[in-house]
């Protein structure tokens, strides 16, 4: 388990069109917690090779959600 979750930070893979407000509202509704801040990053897909053909995996968006001090998400 990553140490960031001990500090109240959780990482999610989200829809590429979602903004920070939408991510915050979704996490608060699904996990019943209060979100302090959200950081997002657009990630490029990796190059993959299939025989002679070189392709790429899809681009994706990562969101790091920081919760308020009294809240946590039980993953296991």
Protein backbone atom coordinates (compact mmCIF):
# COMPACT_ATOMS: atom_id res chain seq x y z
CA UNK A 1 0.00 0.00 0.00
CA UNK A 2 1.26 3.44 -0.86
CA UNK A 3 2.14 5.82 1.96
CA UNK A 4 0.14 8.67 0.42
CA UNK A 5 -3.09 7.06 1.62
CA UNK A 6 -1.83 7.43 5.19
CA UNK A 7 -1.67 11.19 4.53
CA UNK A 8 -5.21 11.26 3.16
CA UNK A 9 -4.28 11.16 -0.54
CA UNK A 10 -5.92 8.66 -2.89
CA UNK A 11 -5.29 8.19 -6.60
CA UNK A 12 -8.05 7.45 -9.11
CA UNK A 13 -8.22 6.91 -12.84
CA UNK A 14 -11.00 9.20 -14.07
CA UNK A 15 -12.76 10.14 -17.28
CA UNK A 16 -10.56 12.37 -19.46
CA UNK A 17 -13.30 15.00 -19.73
CA UNK A 18 -13.95 15.21 -15.97
CA UNK A 19 -12.83 18.38 -14.20
CA UNK A 20 -11.73 18.79 -10.57
CA UNK A 21 -15.18 19.81 -9.32
CA UNK A 22 -16.80 16.75 -10.91
CA UNK A 23 -14.14 14.45 -9.44
CA UNK A 24 -14.61 16.01 -5.99
CA UNK A 25 -18.39 15.63 -6.09
CA UNK A 26 -18.18 12.01 -7.30
CA UNK A 27 -15.71 10.94 -4.59
CA UNK A 28 -17.72 12.65 -1.84
CA UNK A 29 -20.93 10.98 -3.01
CA UNK A 30 -19.53 7.47 -3.60
CA UNK A 31 -17.30 7.17 -0.51
CA UNK A 32 -19.21 9.49 1.86
CA UNK A 33 -16.14 11.61 2.72
CA UNK A 34 -15.15 15.29 2.54
CA UNK A 35 -12.53 16.25 -0.07
CA UNK A 36 -10.01 18.99 0.69
CA UNK A 37 -8.40 19.32 -2.77
CA UNK A 38 -8.00 17.53 -6.09
CA UNK A 39 -5.01 17.43 -8.40
CA UNK A 40 -5.29 16.09 -11.94
CA UNK A 41 -2.78 15.03 -14.58
CA UNK A 42 -3.27 13.96 -18.17
CA UNK A 43 -1.16 10.90 -18.92
CA UNK A 44 -0.02 9.84 -22.38
CA UNK A 45 -0.54 6.24 -23.49
CA UNK A 46 2.45 3.96 -23.78
CA UNK A 47 3.85 2.68 -27.06
CA UNK A 48 3.07 -1.00 -27.61
CA UNK A 49 4.25 -3.27 -30.36
CA UNK A 50 2.31 -6.08 -32.02
CA UNK A 51 4.63 -7.73 -34.48
CA UNK A 52 5.61 -5.10 -37.04
CA UNK A 53 2.85 -2.70 -36.07
CA UNK A 54 3.57 -0.09 -33.44
CA UNK A 55 0.56 1.32 -31.64
CA UNK A 56 -0.27 3.17 -28.46
CA UNK A 57 -2.51 2.56 -25.51
CA UNK A 58 -5.18 5.16 -24.82
CA UNK A 59 -4.36 8.43 -23.06
CA UNK A 60 -5.89 8.73 -19.58
CA UNK A 61 -6.38 11.14 -16.69
CA UNK A 62 -5.17 10.61 -13.14
CA UNK A 63 -6.73 12.39 -10.16
CA UNK A 64 -5.10 12.60 -6.73
CA UNK A 65 -7.76 13.36 -4.12
CA UNK A 66 -6.77 14.75 -0.73
CA UNK A 67 -9.30 14.19 2.05
CA UNK A 68 -9.92 16.34 5.10
CA UNK A 69 -8.03 15.12 8.22
CA UNK A 70 -10.89 13.23 9.90
CA UNK A 71 -11.81 11.15 6.83
CA UNK A 72 -10.37 8.06 5.12
CA UNK A 73 -11.44 5.49 2.54
CA UNK A 74 -11.40 1.82 3.52
CA UNK A 75 -9.91 0.00 0.54
CA UNK A 76 -9.63 -3.46 2.08
